[in-house]
Amino acid sequence: MGKGDIKTKRGKITKGTFGKLRKHKLKEVEKPEKSDESKTPEK
């Protein structure tokens, strides 16, 4: 077990992969709310 072992956390950090032992933080994408200004005024 060490840097070469892919099944350990240290091995995943070295290899640069993610998995069950090393969770990957997901980037939160903010959805822009639709405002009244973006809509075309209906006449």
PDB file of N, CA and C in Angstrom:
ATOM      1  N   MET A   1       0.842  -1.181   0.000  1.00  0.00           N
ATOM      2  CA  MET A   1       0.000   0.000   0.000  1.00  0.00           C
ATOM      3  C   MET A   1       0.884   1.239   0.000  1.00  0.00           C
ATOM      4  N   GLY A   2       0.542   2.136  -0.876  1.00  0.00           N
ATOM      5  CA  GLY A   2       1.323   3.359  -0.961  1.00  0.00           C
ATOM      6  C   GLY A   2       0.879   4.177  -2.154  1.00  0.00           C
ATOM      7  N   LYS A   3       1.829   4.926  -2.685  1.00  0.00           N
ATOM      8  CA  LYS A   3       1.509   5.807  -3.802  1.00  0.00           C
ATOM      9  C   LYS A   3       1.111   5.052  -5.055  1.00  0.00           C
ATOM     10  N   GLY A   4       1.595   3.848  -5.223  1.00  0.00           N
ATOM     11  CA  GLY A   4       1.296   3.075  -6.422  1.00  0.00           C
ATOM     12  C   GLY A   4      -0.004   2.290  -6.347  1.00  0.00           C
ATOM     13  N   ASP A   5      -0.561   2.167  -5.127  1.00  0.00           N
ATOM     14  CA  ASP A   5      -1.779   1.382  -4.944  1.00  0.00           C
ATOM     15  C   ASP A   5      -2.995   2.255  -5.261  1.00  0.00           C
ATOM     16  N   ILE A   6      -3.692   1.934  -6.342  1.00  0.00           N
ATOM     17  CA  ILE A   6      -4.808   2.758  -6.803  1.00  0.00           C
ATOM     18  C   ILE A   6      -6.009   2.671  -5.863  1.00  0.00           C
ATOM     19  N   LYS A   7      -6.092   1.595  -5.062  1.00  0.00           N
ATOM     20  CA  LYS A   7      -7.254   1.408  -4.190  1.00  0.00           C
ATOM     21  C   LYS A   7      -7.182   2.232  -2.907  1.00  0.00           C
ATOM     22  N   THR A   8      -6.052   2.887  -2.649  1.00  0.00           N
ATOM     23  CA  THR A   8      -5.927   3.691  -1.438  1.00  0.00           C
ATOM     24  C   THR A   8      -6.097   5.165  -1.765  1.00  0.00           C
ATOM     25  N   LYS A   9      -6.376   5.957  -0.741  1.00  0.00           N
ATOM     26  CA  LYS A   9      -6.564   7.401  -0.927  1.00  0.00           C
ATOM     27  C   LYS A   9      -5.290   8.047  -1.460  1.00  0.00           C
ATOM     28  N   ARG A  10      -4.142   7.639  -0.918  1.00  0.00           N
ATOM     29  CA  ARG A  10      -2.862   8.210  -1.344  1.00  0.00           C
ATOM     30  C   ARG A  10      -2.573   7.876  -2.811  1.00  0.00           C
ATOM     31  N   GLY A  11      -2.914   6.670  -3.215  1.00  0.00           N
ATOM     32  CA  GLY A  11      -2.702   6.268  -4.603  1.00  0.00           C
ATOM     33  C   GLY A  11      -3.590   7.044  -5.555  1.00  0.00           C
ATOM     34  N   LYS A  12      -4.817   7.336  -5.112  1.00  0.00           N
ATOM     35  CA  LYS A  12      -5.731   8.106  -5.946  1.00  0.00           C
ATOM     36  C   LYS A  12      -5.274   9.551  -6.072  1.00  0.00           C
ATOM     37  N   ILE A  13      -4.734  10.108  -4.982  1.00  0.00           N
ATOM     38  CA  ILE A  13      -4.212  11.479  -5.039  1.00  0.00           C
ATOM     39  C   ILE A  13      -3.042  11.547  -6.013  1.00  0.00           C
ATOM     40  N   THR A  14      -2.152  10.559  -5.953  1.00  0.00           N
ATOM     41  CA  THR A  14      -0.985  10.516  -6.835  1.00  0.00           C
ATOM     42  C   THR A  14      -1.402  10.365  -8.294  1.00  0.00           C
ATOM     43  N   LYS A  15      -2.343   9.463  -8.541  1.00  0.00           N
ATOM     44  CA  LYS A  15      -2.805   9.208  -9.906  1.00  0.00           C
ATOM     45  C   LYS A  15      -3.684  10.343 -10.423  1.00  0.00           C
ATOM     46  N   GLY A  16      -4.385  11.036  -9.500  1.00  0.00           N
ATOM     47  CA  GLY A  16      -5.254  12.140  -9.893  1.00  0.00           C
ATOM     48  C   GLY A  16      -6.653  11.690 -10.244  1.00  0.00           C
ATOM     49  N   THR A  17      -7.096  10.558  -9.659  1.00  0.00           N
ATOM     50  CA  THR A  17      -8.434  10.058  -9.926  1.00  0.00           C
ATOM     51  C   THR A  17      -9.292  10.188  -8.682  1.00  0.00           C
ATOM     52  N   PHE A  18     -10.585   9.980  -8.859  1.00  0.00           N
ATOM     53  CA  PHE A  18     -11.524  10.057  -7.752  1.00  0.00           C
ATOM     54  C   PHE A  18     -12.316   8.767  -7.697  1.00  0.00           C
ATOM     55  N   GLY A  19     -12.953   8.512  -6.559  1.00  0.00           N
ATOM     56  CA  GLY A  19     -13.737   7.297  -6.412  1.00  0.00           C
ATOM     57  C   GLY A  19     -14.414   7.251  -5.066  1.00  0.00           C
ATOM     58  N   LYS A  20     -14.686   6.039  -4.596  1.00  0.00           N
ATOM     59  CA  LYS A  20     -15.401   5.865  -3.342  1.00  0.00           C
ATOM     60  C   LYS A  20     -14.557   6.321  -2.154  1.00  0.00           C
ATOM     61  N   LEU A  21     -13.257   6.074  -2.195  1.00  0.00           N
ATOM     62  CA  LEU A  21     -12.396   6.456  -1.080  1.00  0.00           C
ATOM     63  C   LEU A  21     -12.039   7.933  -1.107  1.00  0.00           C
ATOM     64  N   ARG A  22     -12.049   8.529  -2.291  1.00  0.00           N
ATOM     65  CA  ARG A  22     -11.685   9.937  -2.444  1.00  0.00           C
ATOM     66  C   ARG A  22     -12.803  10.634  -3.190  1.00  0.00           C
ATOM     67  N   LYS A  23     -13.704  11.201  -2.430  1.00  0.00           N
ATOM     68  CA  LYS A  23     -14.874  11.850  -3.022  1.00  0.00           C
ATOM     69  C   LYS A  23     -14.454  13.109  -3.768  1.00  0.00           C
ATOM     70  N   HIS A  24     -15.147  13.383  -4.853  1.00  0.00           N
ATOM     71  CA  HIS A  24     -14.875  14.547  -5.684  1.00  0.00           C
ATOM     72  C   HIS A  24     -15.919  15.602  -5.387  1.00  0.00           C
ATOM     73  N   LYS A  25     -15.471  16.820  -5.076  1.00  0.00           N
ATOM     74  CA  LYS A  25     -16.407  17.900  -4.789  1.00  0.00           C
ATOM     75  C   LYS A  25     -16.989  18.398  -6.108  1.00  0.00           C
ATOM     76  N   LEU A  26     -18.296  18.380  -6.191  1.00  0.00           N
ATOM     77  CA  LEU A  26     -18.965  18.847  -7.393  1.00  0.00           C
ATOM     78  C   LEU A  26     -19.091  20.363  -7.361  1.00  0.00           C
ATOM     79  N   LYS A  27     -18.857  20.974  -8.515  1.00  0.00           N
ATOM     80  CA  LYS A  27     -19.007  22.418  -8.613  1.00  0.00           C
ATOM     81  C   LYS A  27     -20.492  22.735  -8.694  1.00  0.00           C
ATOM     82  N   GLU A  28     -20.934  23.644  -7.836  1.00  0.00           N
ATOM     83  CA  GLU A  28     -22.335  24.023  -7.838  1.00  0.00           C
ATOM     84  C   GLU A  28     -22.558  25.071  -8.924  1.00  0.00           C
ATOM     85  N   VAL A  29     -23.431  24.736  -9.852  1.00  0.00           N
ATOM     86  CA  VAL A  29     -23.744  25.648 -10.938  1.00  0.00           C
ATOM     87  C   VAL A  29     -24.992  26.421 -10.555  1.00  0.00           C
ATOM     88  N   GLU A  30     -24.838  27.744 -10.485  1.00  0.00           N
ATOM     89  CA  GLU A  30     -25.976  28.576 -10.125  1.00  0.00           C
ATOM     90  C   GLU A  30     -26.803  28.849 -11.367  1.00  0.00           C
ATOM     91  N   LYS A  31     -28.080  28.516 -11.289  1.00  0.00           N
ATOM     92  CA  LYS A  31     -28.971  28.780 -12.405  1.00  0.00           C
ATOM     93  C   LYS A  31     -29.498  30.202 -12.271  1.00  0.00           C
ATOM     94  N   PRO A  32     -29.283  31.020 -13.287  1.00  0.00           N
ATOM     95  CA  PRO A  32     -29.791  32.391 -13.199  1.00  0.00           C
ATOM     96  C   PRO A  32     -31.318  32.393 -13.233  1.00  0.00           C
ATOM     97  N   GLU A  33     -31.900  33.118 -12.289  1.00  0.00           N
ATOM     98  CA  GLU A  33     -33.353  33.178 -12.232  1.00  0.00           C
ATOM     99  C   GLU A  33     -33.864  34.084 -13.343  1.00  0.00           C
ATOM    100  N   LYS A  34     -34.957  33.676 -13.933  1.00  0.00           N
ATOM    101  CA  LYS A  34     -35.542  34.476 -15.007  1.00  0.00           C
ATOM    102  C   LYS A  34     -36.241  35.672 -14.388  1.00  0.00           C
ATOM    103  N   SER A  35     -35.781  36.853 -14.778  1.00  0.00           N
ATOM    104  CA  SER A  35     -36.387  38.060 -14.248  1.00  0.00           C
ATOM    105  C   SER A  35     -37.432  38.587 -15.224  1.00  0.00           C
ATOM    106  N   ASP A  36     -38.241  39.512 -14.747  1.00  0.00           N
ATOM    107  CA  ASP A  36     -39.288  40.091 -15.580  1.00  0.00           C
ATOM    108  C   ASP A  36     -38.704  40.962 -16.682  1.00  0.00           C
ATOM    109  N   GLU A  37     -37.496  41.480 -16.487  1.00  0.00           N
ATOM    110  CA  GLU A  37     -36.876  42.359 -17.471  1.00  0.00           C
ATOM    111  C   GLU A  37     -36.491  41.617 -18.748  1.00  0.00           C
ATOM    112  N   SER A  38     -36.173  40.325 -18.613  1.00  0.00           N
ATOM    113  CA  SER A  38     -35.722  39.571 -19.771  1.00  0.00           C
ATOM    114  C   SER A  38     -36.856  39.258 -20.724  1.00  0.00           C
ATOM    115  N   LYS A  39     -38.096  39.254 -20.220  1.00  0.00           N
ATOM    116  CA  LYS A  39     -39.242  38.947 -21.062  1.00  0.00           C
ATOM    117  C   LYS A  39     -39.616  40.165 -21.905  1.00  0.00           C
ATOM    118  N   THR A  40     -40.073  39.911 -23.099  1.00  0.00           N
ATOM    119  CA  THR A  40     -40.515  41.027 -23.947  1.00  0.00           C
ATOM    120  C   THR A  40     -41.919  41.434 -23.511  1.00  0.00           C
ATOM    121  N   PRO A  41     -42.171  42.701 -23.415  1.00  0.00           N
ATOM    122  CA  PRO A  41     -43.504  43.140 -22.987  1.00  0.00           C
ATOM    123  C   PRO A  41     -44.543  42.846 -24.059  1.00  0.00           C
ATOM    124  N   GLU A  42     -45.657  42.287 -23.610  1.00  0.00           N
ATOM    125  CA  GLU A  42     -46.724  41.966 -24.540  1.00  0.00           C
ATOM    126  C   GLU A  42     -47.679  43.141 -24.642  1.00  0.00           C
ATOM    127  N   LYS A  43     -48.042  43.510 -25.878  1.00  0.00           N
ATOM    128  CA  LYS A  43     -48.941  44.648 -26.096  1.00  0.00           C
ATOM    129  C   LYS A  43     -50.218  44.196 -26.747  1.00  0.00           C
TER     130      LYS A  43
END
